PDB file of N, CA and C in Angstrom:
ATOM      1  N   UNK A   1      73.922  96.359 124.943  1.00  0.00           N
ATOM      2  CA  UNK A   1      73.199  96.688 123.627  1.00  0.00           C
ATOM      3  C   UNK A   1      74.929  96.363 122.751  1.00  0.00           C
ATOM      4  N   UNK A   2      74.914  95.151 122.039  1.00  0.00           N
ATOM      5  CA  UNK A   2      75.879  95.301 121.245  1.00  0.00           C
ATOM      6  C   UNK A   2      75.086  95.693 119.548  1.00  0.00           C
ATOM      7  N   UNK A   3      76.097  96.005 119.092  1.00  0.00           N
ATOM      8  CA  UNK A   3      75.110  96.444 117.290  1.00  0.00           C
ATOM      9  C   UNK A   3      77.050  96.479 116.678  1.00  0.00           C
ATOM     10  N   UNK A   4      76.849  95.344 115.506  1.00  0.00           N
ATOM     11  CA  UNK A   4      77.776  95.328 114.318  1.00  0.00           C
ATOM     12  C   UNK A   4      77.293  95.968 113.348  1.00  0.00           C
ATOM     13  N   UNK A   5      78.416  96.605 112.399  1.00  0.00           N
ATOM     14  CA  UNK A   5      78.301  97.147 111.321  1.00  0.00           C
ATOM     15  C   UNK A   5      78.860  96.488 110.096  1.00  0.00           C
ATOM     16  N   UNK A   6      78.669  95.877 109.343  1.00  0.00           N
ATOM     17  CA  UNK A   6      79.791  94.882 109.090  1.00  0.00           C
ATOM     18  C   UNK A   6      79.409  94.643 107.538  1.00  0.00           C
ATOM     19  N   UNK A   7      80.420  94.091 106.455  1.00  0.00           N
ATOM     20  CA  UNK A   7      79.653  94.040 104.983  1.00  0.00           C
ATOM     21  C   UNK A   7      79.878  91.902 104.888  1.00  0.00           C
ATOM     22  N   UNK A   8      79.154  91.318 103.943  1.00  0.00           N
ATOM     23  CA  UNK A   8      79.105  89.958 104.358  1.00  0.00           C
ATOM     24  C   UNK A   8      80.363  88.856 103.704  1.00  0.00           C
ATOM     25  N   UNK A   9      80.900  90.142 102.970  1.00  0.00           N
ATOM     26  CA  UNK A   9      82.248  89.509 102.151  1.00  0.00           C
ATOM     27  C   UNK A   9      83.539  89.675 103.349  1.00  0.00           C
ATOM     28  N   UNK A  10      83.275  90.575 104.363  1.00  0.00           N
ATOM     29  CA  UNK A  10      84.295  91.327 104.756  1.00  0.00           C
ATOM     30  C   UNK A  10      85.149  89.838 105.858  1.00  0.00           C
ATOM     31  N   UNK A  11      86.492  90.098 105.779  1.00  0.00           N
ATOM     32  CA  UNK A  11      86.804  88.439 106.805  1.00  0.00           C
ATOM     33  C   UNK A  11      86.995  88.958 108.330  1.00  0.00           C
ATOM     34  N   UNK A  12      86.922  90.488 108.652  1.00  0.00           N
ATOM     35  CA  UNK A  12      88.080  91.337 109.131  1.00  0.00           C
ATOM     36  C   UNK A  12      86.545  91.442 110.001  1.00  0.00           C
ATOM     37  N   UNK A  13      84.726  91.510 109.556  1.00  0.00           N
ATOM     38  CA  UNK A  13      83.880  91.793 109.886  1.00  0.00           C
ATOM     39  C   UNK A  13      83.515  89.828 109.907  1.00  0.00           C
ATOM     40  N   UNK A  14      84.070  89.187 110.033  1.00  0.00           N
ATOM     41  CA  UNK A  14      83.541  87.601 109.845  1.00  0.00           C
ATOM     42  C   UNK A  14      84.151  87.569 111.486  1.00  0.00           C
ATOM     43  N   UNK A  15      85.455  88.326 111.862  1.00  0.00           N
ATOM     44  CA  UNK A  15      86.250  87.960 112.948  1.00  0.00           C
ATOM     45  C   UNK A  15      85.643  88.522 113.744  1.00  0.00           C
ATOM     46  N   UNK A  16      85.156  89.618 113.913  1.00  0.00           N
ATOM     47  CA  UNK A  16      84.037  90.288 114.893  1.00  0.00           C
ATOM     48  C   UNK A  16      82.652  88.936 115.265  1.00  0.00           C
ATOM     49  N   UNK A  17      82.389  88.950 114.440  1.00  0.00           N
ATOM     50  CA  UNK A  17      80.826  88.166 114.420  1.00  0.00           C
ATOM     51  C   UNK A  17      81.539  86.702 115.163  1.00  0.00           C
ATOM     52  N   UNK A  18      82.535  85.699 114.838  1.00  0.00           N
ATOM     53  CA  UNK A  18      82.883  85.236 115.559  1.00  0.00           C
ATOM     54  C   UNK A  18      83.184  84.975 116.550  1.00  0.00           C
ATOM     55  N   UNK A  19      83.908  86.100 117.056  1.00  0.00           N
ATOM     56  CA  UNK A  19      84.764  86.435 118.367  1.00  0.00           C
ATOM     57  C   UNK A  19      83.046  86.294 119.371  1.00  0.00           C
ATOM     58  N   UNK A  20      82.189  87.317 119.170  1.00  0.00           N
ATOM     59  CA  UNK A  20      80.957  87.350 119.820  1.00  0.00           C
ATOM     60  C   UNK A  20      80.821  86.704 119.859  1.00  0.00           C
ATOM     61  N   UNK A  21      80.251  85.474 118.524  1.00  0.00           N
ATOM     62  CA  UNK A  21      79.195  84.445 118.836  1.00  0.00           C
ATOM     63  C   UNK A  21      80.409  83.384 120.370  1.00  0.00           C
ATOM     64  N   UNK A  22      81.409  83.811 120.256  1.00  0.00           N
ATOM     65  CA  UNK A  22      82.265  82.388 120.753  1.00  0.00           C
ATOM     66  C   UNK A  22      82.471  82.906 122.415  1.00  0.00           C
ATOM     67  N   UNK A  23      82.190  84.241 122.477  1.00  0.00           N
ATOM     68  CA  UNK A  23      81.713  84.778 123.497  1.00  0.00           C
ATOM     69  C   UNK A  23      80.726  84.692 124.393  1.00  0.00           C
ATOM     70  N   UNK A  24      79.718  84.634 123.716  1.00  0.00           N
ATOM     71  CA  UNK A  24      77.971  84.072 123.758  1.00  0.00           C
ATOM     72  C   UNK A  24      77.514  85.357 124.027  1.00  0.00           C
ATOM     73  N   UNK A  25      78.260  86.503 123.481  1.00  0.00           N
ATOM     74  CA  UNK A  25      77.375  88.009 123.994  1.00  0.00           C
ATOM     75  C   UNK A  25      76.043  87.960 122.330  1.00  0.00           C
ATOM     76  N   UNK A  26      74.782  88.521 122.464  1.00  0.00           N
ATOM     77  CA  UNK A  26      74.122  88.628 121.725  1.00  0.00           C
ATOM     78  C   UNK A  26      73.885  89.694 121.352  1.00  0.00           C
ATOM     79  N   UNK A  27      74.029  89.946 120.306  1.00  0.00           N
ATOM     80  CA  UNK A  27      74.031  91.034 119.340  1.00  0.00           C
ATOM     81  C   UNK A  27      73.249  91.372 118.033  1.00  0.00           C
ATOM     82  N   UNK A  28      73.442  92.932 117.388  1.00  0.00           N
ATOM     83  CA  UNK A  28      72.695  92.549 116.233  1.00  0.00           C
ATOM     84  C   UNK A  28      73.391  92.927 115.369  1.00  0.00           C
ATOM     85  N   UNK A  29      73.378  92.665 114.601  1.00  0.00           N
ATOM     86  CA  UNK A  29      73.943  93.049 113.186  1.00  0.00           C
ATOM     87  C   UNK A  29      73.248  93.716 111.989  1.00  0.00           C
ATOM     88  N   UNK A  30      74.088  94.482 111.591  1.00  0.00           N
ATOM     89  CA  UNK A  30      73.840  94.898 109.918  1.00  0.00           C
ATOM     90  C   UNK A  30      74.749  94.873 109.407  1.00  0.00           C
ATOM     91  N   UNK A  31      74.145  93.688 108.051  1.00  0.00           N
ATOM     92  CA  UNK A  31      74.957  93.435 107.043  1.00  0.00           C
ATOM     93  C   UNK A  31      75.177  94.225 106.245  1.00  0.00           C
ATOM     94  N   UNK A  32      75.547  95.723 105.860  1.00  0.00           N
ATOM     95  CA  UNK A  32      75.375  97.119 105.012  1.00  0.00           C
ATOM     96  C   UNK A  32      74.906  96.533 103.550  1.00  0.00           C
ATOM     97  N   UNK A  33      75.878  95.632 102.907  1.00  0.00           N
ATOM     98  CA  UNK A  33      76.004  95.159 101.339  1.00  0.00           C
ATOM     99  C   UNK A  33      74.578  94.282 101.158  1.00  0.00           C
ATOM    100  N   UNK A  34      74.112  94.108 102.138  1.00  0.00           N
ATOM    101  CA  UNK A  34      72.868  92.872 101.732  1.00  0.00           C
ATOM    102  C   UNK A  34      71.303  93.519 102.006  1.00  0.00           C
ATOM    103  N   UNK A  35      71.537  95.000 102.323  1.00  0.00           N
ATOM    104  CA  UNK A  35      71.089  95.554 102.429  1.00  0.00           C
ATOM    105  C   UNK A  35      70.438  96.506 101.355  1.00  0.00           C
ATOM    106  N   UNK A  36      69.253  96.902 101.189  1.00  0.00           N
ATOM    107  CA  UNK A  36      68.990  97.789  99.587  1.00  0.00           C
ATOM    108  C   UNK A  36      68.063  98.915 100.372  1.00  0.00           C
ATOM    109  N   UNK A  37      68.230 100.353  99.460  1.00  0.00           N
ATOM    110  CA  UNK A  37      67.229 101.170  99.599  1.00  0.00           C
ATOM    111  C   UNK A  37      67.570 102.183 100.698  1.00  0.00           C
ATOM    112  N   UNK A  38      66.539 102.579 101.726  1.00  0.00           N
ATOM    113  CA  UNK A  38      66.683 103.601 102.650  1.00  0.00           C
ATOM    114  C   UNK A  38      67.582 102.690 103.693  1.00  0.00           C
ATOM    115  N   UNK A  39      67.149 101.773 103.685  1.00  0.00           N
ATOM    116  CA  UNK A  39      68.115 100.702 104.573  1.00  0.00           C
ATOM    117  C   UNK A  39      68.979 100.477 104.532  1.00  0.00           C
ATOM    118  N   UNK A  40      69.682 100.775 103.279  1.00  0.00           N
ATOM    119  CA  UNK A  40      71.431 100.626 103.442  1.00  0.00           C
ATOM    120  C   UNK A  40      72.002 102.150 103.444  1.00  0.00           C
ATOM    121  N   UNK A  41      71.566 103.215 103.105  1.00  0.00           N
ATOM    122  CA  UNK A  41      71.110 104.518 102.990  1.00  0.00           C
ATOM    123  C   UNK A  41      71.542 104.572 104.511  1.00  0.00           C
ATOM    124  N   UNK A  42      70.560 104.463 105.414  1.00  0.00           N
ATOM    125  CA  UNK A  42      70.117 104.320 106.570  1.00  0.00           C
ATOM    126  C   UNK A  42      71.713 104.309 107.902  1.00  0.00           C
ATOM    127  N   UNK A  43      72.227 102.533 107.439  1.00  0.00           N
ATOM    128  CA  UNK A  43      72.982 101.998 107.920  1.00  0.00           C
ATOM    129  C   UNK A  43      74.282 103.374 107.323  1.00  0.00           C
ATOM    130  N   UNK A  44      74.631 103.242 106.064  1.00  0.00           N
ATOM    131  CA  UNK A  44      75.754 103.757 106.213  1.00  0.00           C
ATOM    132  C   UNK A  44      75.548 105.234 106.168  1.00  0.00           C
ATOM    133  N   UNK A  45      74.985 105.989 106.544  1.00  0.00           N
ATOM    134  CA  UNK A  45      74.816 107.331 107.497  1.00  0.00           C
ATOM    135  C   UNK A  45      75.516 106.782 109.154  1.00  0.00           C
ATOM    136  N   UNK A  46      74.263 105.855 109.427  1.00  0.00           N
ATOM    137  CA  UNK A  46      75.348 105.603 110.758  1.00  0.00           C
ATOM    138  C   UNK A  46      76.592 105.504 110.723  1.00  0.00           C
ATOM    139  N   UNK A  47      76.752 104.349 109.892  1.00  0.00           N
ATOM    140  CA  UNK A  47      78.804 103.856 110.256  1.00  0.00           C
ATOM    141  C   UNK A  47      79.029 105.675 109.406  1.00  0.00           C
ATOM    142  N   UNK A  48      79.150 106.123 108.816  1.00  0.00           N
ATOM    143  CA  UNK A  48      79.829 107.613 108.621  1.00  0.00           C
ATOM    144  C   UNK A  48      79.833 108.326 109.843  1.00  0.00           C
ATOM    145  N   UNK A  49      78.824 108.699 110.605  1.00  0.00           N
ATOM    146  CA  UNK A  49      78.488 109.444 111.526  1.00  0.00           C
ATOM    147  C   UNK A  49      79.116 108.701 112.944  1.00  0.00           C
ATOM    148  N   UNK A  50      79.404 107.860 113.217  1.00  0.00           N
ATOM    149  CA  UNK A  50      80.264 107.185 113.984  1.00  0.00           C
ATOM    150  C   UNK A  50      81.656 107.177 113.787  1.00  0.00           C
ATOM    151  N   UNK A  51      81.864 106.727 112.637  1.00  0.00           N
ATOM    152  CA  UNK A  51      83.260 106.609 112.721  1.00  0.00           C
ATOM    153  C   UNK A  51      83.863 107.807 111.691  1.00  0.00           C
ATOM    154  N   UNK A  52      83.073 108.481 111.048  1.00  0.00           N
ATOM    155  CA  UNK A  52      83.613 109.749 110.208  1.00  0.00           C
ATOM    156  C   UNK A  52      83.840 108.979 108.745  1.00  0.00           C
ATOM    157  N   UNK A  53      83.878 107.763 108.572  1.00  0.00           N
ATOM    158  CA  UNK A  53      83.612 107.428 107.374  1.00  0.00           C
ATOM    159  C   UNK A  53      83.395 105.975 106.965  1.00  0.00           C
ATOM    160  N   UNK A  54      83.160 105.633 105.530  1.00  0.00           N
ATOM    161  CA  UNK A  54      82.809 103.730 105.655  1.00  0.00           C
ATOM    162  C   UNK A  54      83.365 102.990 105.446  1.00  0.00           C
ATOM    163  N   UNK A  55      84.115 102.276 106.659  1.00  0.00           N
ATOM    164  CA  UNK A  55      84.875 101.753 106.851  1.00  0.00           C
ATOM    165  C   UNK A  55      84.515 100.648 107.348  1.00  0.00           C
ATOM    166  N   UNK A  56      84.736  99.504 107.533  1.00  0.00           N
ATOM    167  CA  UNK A  56      83.973  97.992 108.302  1.00  0.00           C
ATOM    168  C   UNK A  56      84.692  97.081 108.692  1.00  0.00           C
ATOM    169  N   UNK A  57      84.478  96.438 110.042  1.00  0.00           N
ATOM    170  CA  UNK A  57      83.674  96.679 110.814  1.00  0.00           C
ATOM    171  C   UNK A  57      83.234  97.346 111.117  1.00  0.00           C
ATOM    172  N   UNK A  58      82.424  97.942 112.191  1.00  0.00           N
ATOM    173  CA  UNK A  58      82.415  98.798 113.180  1.00  0.00           C
ATOM    174  C   UNK A  58      81.578  98.085 114.416  1.00  0.00           C
ATOM    175  N   UNK A  59      81.827  98.264 115.467  1.00  0.00           N
ATOM    176  CA  UNK A  59      80.864  97.500 116.715  1.00  0.00           C
ATOM    177  C   UNK A  59      80.671  98.583 117.325  1.00  0.00           C
ATOM    178  N   UNK A  60      79.456  98.396 118.146  1.00  0.00           N
ATOM    179  CA  UNK A  60      79.154  99.037 118.778  1.00  0.00           C
ATOM    180  C   UNK A  60      78.719  98.492 120.049  1.00  0.00           C
ATOM    181  N   UNK A  61      79.389  98.906 121.495  1.00  0.00           N
ATOM    182  CA  UNK A  61      79.146  98.453 122.557  1.00  0.00           C
ATOM    183  C   UNK A  61      78.707  99.437 124.099  1.00  0.00           C
ATOM    184  N   UNK A  62      77.174  99.534 124.402  1.00  0.00           N
ATOM    185  CA  UNK A  62      76.686 100.222 124.728  1.00  0.00           C
ATOM    186  C   UNK A  62      77.507 101.965 124.877  1.00  0.00           C
ATOM    187  N   UNK A  63      77.726 102.195 123.425  1.00  0.00           N
ATOM    188  CA  UNK A  63      78.094 103.787 123.002  1.00  0.00           C
ATOM    189  C   UNK A  63      79.690 103.287 122.452  1.00  0.00           C
ATOM    190  N   UNK A  64      80.488 102.931 123.174  1.00  0.00           N
ATOM    191  CA  UNK A  64      81.588 102.945 122.963  1.00  0.00           C
ATOM    192  C   UNK A  64      81.748 101.744 121.448  1.00  0.00           C
ATOM    193  N   UNK A  65      82.353 102.634 120.414  1.00  0.00           N
ATOM    194  CA  UNK A  65      82.824 102.453 119.248  1.00  0.00           C
ATOM    195  C   UNK A  65      83.475 102.313 118.735  1.00  0.00           C
ATOM    196  N   UNK A  66      84.297 101.059 118.135  1.00  0.00           N
ATOM    197  CA  UNK A  66      85.481  99.899 117.715  1.00  0.00           C
ATOM    198  C   UNK A  66      85.283 100.305 116.205  1.00  0.00           C
ATOM    199  N   UNK A  67      86.294 100.558 115.656  1.00  0.00           N
ATOM    200  CA  UNK A  67      86.761 100.628 114.472  1.00  0.00           C
ATOM    201  C   UNK A  67      87.530  99.071 113.812  1.00  0.00           C
ATOM    202  N   UNK A  68      87.211  98.110 113.379  1.00  0.00           N
ATOM    203  CA  UNK A  68      87.668  96.678 112.761  1.00  0.00           C
ATOM    204  C   UNK A  68      87.905  95.497 113.976  1.00  0.00           C
ATOM    205  N   UNK A  69      88.460  95.005 113.361  1.00  0.00           N
ATOM    206  CA  UNK A  69      88.946  93.604 114.740  1.00  0.00           C
ATOM    207  C   UNK A  69      89.434  93.990 115.919  1.00  0.00           C
ATOM    208  N   UNK A  70      89.366  94.441 116.924  1.00  0.00           N
ATOM    209  CA  UNK A  70      90.674  95.070 117.972  1.00  0.00           C
ATOM    210  C   UNK A  70      89.687  93.808 119.051  1.00  0.00           C
ATOM    211  N   UNK A  71      90.538  92.580 119.455  1.00  0.00           N
ATOM    212  CA  UNK A  71      89.442  92.156 120.202  1.00  0.00           C
ATOM    213  C   UNK A  71      90.104  92.447 121.692  1.00  0.00           C
ATOM    214  N   UNK A  72      91.488  92.779 121.952  1.00  0.00           N
ATOM    215  CA  UNK A  72      91.074  93.870 123.104  1.00  0.00           C
ATOM    216  C   UNK A  72      89.983  94.914 123.773  1.00  0.00           C
ATOM    217  N   UNK A  73      90.197  95.770 122.484  1.00  0.00           N
ATOM    218  CA  UNK A  73      89.006  97.049 122.720  1.00  0.00           C
ATOM    219  C   UNK A  73      87.614  96.096 123.049  1.00  0.00           C
ATOM    220  N   UNK A  74      87.440  95.133 122.078  1.00  0.00           N
ATOM    221  CA  UNK A  74      86.115  94.957 122.295  1.00  0.00           C
ATOM    222  C   UNK A  74      85.823  94.074 123.766  1.00  0.00           C
ATOM    223  N   UNK A  75      86.880  93.003 124.181  1.00  0.00           N
ATOM    224  CA  UNK A  75      86.953  92.763 125.538  1.00  0.00           C
ATOM    225  C   UNK A  75      86.759  93.887 126.787  1.00  0.00           C
ATOM    226  N   UNK A  76      87.527  94.764 125.860  1.00  0.00           N
ATOM    227  CA  UNK A  76      87.523  95.874 127.499  1.00  0.00           C
ATOM    228  C   UNK A  76      85.664  95.976 127.788  1.00  0.00           C
ATOM    229  N   UNK A  77      85.158  96.412 126.790  1.00  0.00           N
ATOM    230  CA  UNK A  77      84.075  97.097 126.217  1.00  0.00           C
ATOM    231  C   UNK A  77      83.375  96.195 126.850  1.00  0.00           C
ATOM    232  N   UNK A  78      83.067  95.390 126.331  1.00  0.00           N
ATOM    233  CA  UNK A  78      82.240  93.911 126.696  1.00  0.00           C
ATOM    234  C   UNK A  78      82.271  93.765 128.819  1.00  0.00           C
ATOM    235  N   UNK A  79      82.984  93.809 128.872  1.00  0.00           N
ATOM    236  CA  UNK A  79      83.648  94.137 130.577  1.00  0.00           C
ATOM    237  C   UNK A  79      83.048  95.266 130.528  1.00  0.00           C
ATOM    238  N   UNK A  80      83.532  96.704 130.763  1.00  0.00           N
ATOM    239  CA  UNK A  80      82.775  97.911 130.912  1.00  0.00           C
ATOM    240  C   UNK A  80      80.928  97.369 131.033  1.00  0.00           C
ATOM    241  N   UNK A  81      80.492  96.773 130.202  1.00  0.00           N
ATOM    242  CA  UNK A  81      79.448  96.400 129.653  1.00  0.00           C
ATOM    243  C   UNK A  81      78.454  95.988 131.166  1.00  0.00           C
ATOM    244  N   UNK A  82      79.218  94.419 131.280  1.00  0.00           N
ATOM    245  CA  UNK A  82      78.807  93.351 132.288  1.00  0.00           C
ATOM    246  C   UNK A  82      77.855  94.215 133.795  1.00  0.00           C
TER     247      UNK A  82
END
């Protein structure tokens, strides 16, 4: 299970999503800035709980939390998932 918390305008978020697309990885994405009300509040709380801050992107791969676009970390977590 792969989940990405991002902002629709964030260049690093776009890099994470493009990398996952290039690897043919299926993932769920929450573009936090495109959500509203309770849905946005919940997403922000989840990001803060995972990382201790509100910074994007946040990629979660089988419980491994990766803050930012760290290709090697993402690749490693994906290998562990396989």
